[in-house]
C-alpha cells in the first residue's frame, strides 16, 4: 500500500503545482484530462523506479 499512497500523494502535489484544478476541469475538460494523464504517466514512472530501486 505504500506505493499507492506515494502515487496518490505525488498526483495531488503535481496537479497543485501545475494548476490542474477542479476549476480547469469544469472550464476545459479535455485540457484537464490531457494534463492529468501527463501527470499520472510521470508519477507512474517515478513510483515504478522507486519500487524497482
N, C-alpha and C. Protein backbone atom coordinates (compact mmCIF):
# COMPACT_ATOMS: atom_id res chain seq x y z
N UNK A 1 0.81 -1.21 0.00
CA UNK A 1 0.00 0.00 0.00
C UNK A 1 0.85 1.26 0.00
N UNK A 2 2.09 1.14 0.36
CA UNK A 2 2.95 2.32 0.40
C UNK A 2 3.09 2.94 -0.99
N UNK A 3 3.18 2.10 -2.02
CA UNK A 3 3.30 2.62 -3.39
C UNK A 3 2.04 3.39 -3.79
N UNK A 4 0.88 2.88 -3.41
CA UNK A 4 -0.37 3.57 -3.74
C UNK A 4 -0.44 4.92 -3.03
N UNK A 5 -0.02 4.96 -1.78
CA UNK A 5 -0.02 6.22 -1.03
C UNK A 5 0.93 7.22 -1.68
N UNK A 6 2.10 6.76 -2.10
CA UNK A 6 3.07 7.62 -2.76
C UNK A 6 2.49 8.14 -4.08
N UNK A 7 1.86 7.25 -4.84
CA UNK A 7 1.25 7.62 -6.11
C UNK A 7 0.21 8.72 -5.91
N UNK A 8 -0.71 8.50 -4.99
CA UNK A 8 -1.78 9.47 -4.75
C UNK A 8 -1.23 10.81 -4.26
N UNK A 9 -0.24 10.76 -3.39
CA UNK A 9 0.36 12.00 -2.88
C UNK A 9 1.03 12.78 -4.00
N UNK A 10 1.80 12.08 -4.84
CA UNK A 10 2.51 12.76 -5.92
C UNK A 10 1.55 13.33 -6.96
N UNK A 11 0.49 12.59 -7.29
CA UNK A 11 -0.50 13.11 -8.24
C UNK A 11 -1.12 14.40 -7.68
N UNK A 12 -1.46 14.38 -6.40
CA UNK A 12 -2.03 15.57 -5.76
C UNK A 12 -1.04 16.74 -5.82
N UNK A 13 0.21 16.48 -5.45
CA UNK A 13 1.23 17.54 -5.43
C UNK A 13 1.48 18.10 -6.83
N UNK A 14 1.67 17.22 -7.79
CA UNK A 14 1.97 17.67 -9.16
C UNK A 14 0.80 18.47 -9.73
N UNK A 15 -0.43 18.00 -9.49
CA UNK A 15 -1.57 18.73 -10.05
C UNK A 15 -1.70 20.11 -9.41
N UNK A 16 -1.41 20.21 -8.11
CA UNK A 16 -1.44 21.53 -7.46
C UNK A 16 -0.36 22.43 -8.04
N UNK A 17 0.85 21.90 -8.18
CA UNK A 17 1.97 22.69 -8.69
C UNK A 17 1.70 23.19 -10.11
N UNK A 18 1.02 22.37 -10.91
CA UNK A 18 0.81 22.71 -12.31
C UNK A 18 -0.54 23.38 -12.57
N UNK A 19 -1.28 23.65 -11.50
CA UNK A 19 -2.54 24.37 -11.65
C UNK A 19 -3.65 23.56 -12.29
N UNK A 20 -3.60 22.24 -12.14
CA UNK A 20 -4.64 21.37 -12.68
C UNK A 20 -5.71 21.24 -11.59
N UNK A 21 -6.74 22.07 -11.70
CA UNK A 21 -7.72 22.23 -10.63
C UNK A 21 -9.11 21.76 -11.07
N UNK A 22 -10.01 21.71 -10.10
CA UNK A 22 -11.41 21.42 -10.41
C UNK A 22 -12.00 22.52 -11.29
N UNK A 23 -11.53 23.75 -11.12
CA UNK A 23 -12.00 24.83 -11.97
C UNK A 23 -11.61 24.58 -13.43
N UNK A 24 -10.37 24.17 -13.65
CA UNK A 24 -9.94 23.83 -15.01
C UNK A 24 -10.79 22.70 -15.56
N UNK A 25 -11.07 21.71 -14.72
CA UNK A 25 -11.89 20.56 -15.13
C UNK A 25 -13.27 21.02 -15.61
N UNK A 26 -13.86 21.96 -14.90
CA UNK A 26 -15.20 22.43 -15.28
C UNK A 26 -15.17 23.35 -16.49
N UNK A 27 -14.07 24.08 -16.68
CA UNK A 27 -13.98 25.04 -17.78
C UNK A 27 -13.49 24.39 -19.08
N UNK A 28 -12.59 23.42 -18.96
CA UNK A 28 -11.99 22.81 -20.15
C UNK A 28 -11.62 21.36 -19.83
N UNK A 29 -12.61 20.51 -19.93
CA UNK A 29 -12.43 19.13 -19.50
C UNK A 29 -11.35 18.40 -20.30
N UNK A 30 -11.28 18.64 -21.61
CA UNK A 30 -10.27 17.95 -22.42
C UNK A 30 -8.85 18.35 -22.01
N UNK A 31 -8.65 19.62 -21.73
CA UNK A 31 -7.34 20.10 -21.26
C UNK A 31 -7.00 19.44 -19.92
N UNK A 32 -7.98 19.38 -19.03
CA UNK A 32 -7.78 18.77 -17.72
C UNK A 32 -7.39 17.30 -17.86
N UNK A 33 -8.12 16.57 -18.70
CA UNK A 33 -7.84 15.14 -18.90
C UNK A 33 -6.42 14.95 -19.45
N UNK A 34 -6.05 15.73 -20.43
CA UNK A 34 -4.71 15.61 -21.00
C UNK A 34 -3.62 15.89 -19.99
N UNK A 35 -3.80 16.94 -19.22
CA UNK A 35 -2.78 17.29 -18.22
C UNK A 35 -2.71 16.27 -17.10
N UNK A 36 -3.88 15.76 -16.66
CA UNK A 36 -3.89 14.72 -15.63
C UNK A 36 -3.24 13.44 -16.13
N UNK A 37 -3.48 13.09 -17.39
CA UNK A 37 -2.83 11.91 -17.96
C UNK A 37 -1.32 12.07 -17.96
N UNK A 38 -0.84 13.25 -18.31
CA UNK A 38 0.60 13.51 -18.28
C UNK A 38 1.16 13.37 -16.87
N UNK A 39 0.45 13.92 -15.90
CA UNK A 39 0.88 13.83 -14.51
C UNK A 39 0.90 12.38 -14.06
N UNK A 40 -0.17 11.65 -14.35
CA UNK A 40 -0.24 10.24 -13.93
C UNK A 40 0.86 9.41 -14.56
N UNK A 41 1.16 9.67 -15.84
CA UNK A 41 2.24 8.93 -16.50
C UNK A 41 3.59 9.21 -15.84
N UNK A 42 3.84 10.46 -15.52
CA UNK A 42 5.09 10.82 -14.87
C UNK A 42 5.18 10.18 -13.49
N UNK A 43 4.10 10.23 -12.74
CA UNK A 43 4.09 9.65 -11.40
C UNK A 43 4.22 8.13 -11.46
N UNK A 44 3.59 7.50 -12.45
CA UNK A 44 3.75 6.05 -12.63
C UNK A 44 5.23 5.70 -12.75
N UNK A 45 5.93 6.46 -13.57
CA UNK A 45 7.36 6.22 -13.79
C UNK A 45 8.16 6.41 -12.50
N UNK A 46 7.86 7.46 -11.76
CA UNK A 46 8.57 7.73 -10.50
C UNK A 46 8.35 6.60 -9.51
N UNK A 47 7.10 6.20 -9.33
CA UNK A 47 6.78 5.14 -8.37
C UNK A 47 7.42 3.83 -8.80
N UNK A 48 7.35 3.51 -10.08
CA UNK A 48 7.95 2.28 -10.60
C UNK A 48 9.46 2.26 -10.34
N UNK A 49 10.12 3.39 -10.56
CA UNK A 49 11.56 3.47 -10.31
C UNK A 49 11.89 3.32 -8.84
N UNK A 50 11.04 3.88 -7.97
CA UNK A 50 11.26 3.76 -6.51
C UNK A 50 11.12 2.31 -6.06
N UNK A 51 10.12 1.63 -6.59
CA UNK A 51 9.86 0.25 -6.19
C UNK A 51 10.96 -0.68 -6.68
N UNK A 52 11.40 -0.47 -7.91
CA UNK A 52 12.41 -1.35 -8.52
C UNK A 52 13.83 -0.96 -8.16
N UNK A 53 13.97 0.15 -7.46
CA UNK A 53 15.28 0.58 -7.00
C UNK A 53 16.11 1.09 -8.10
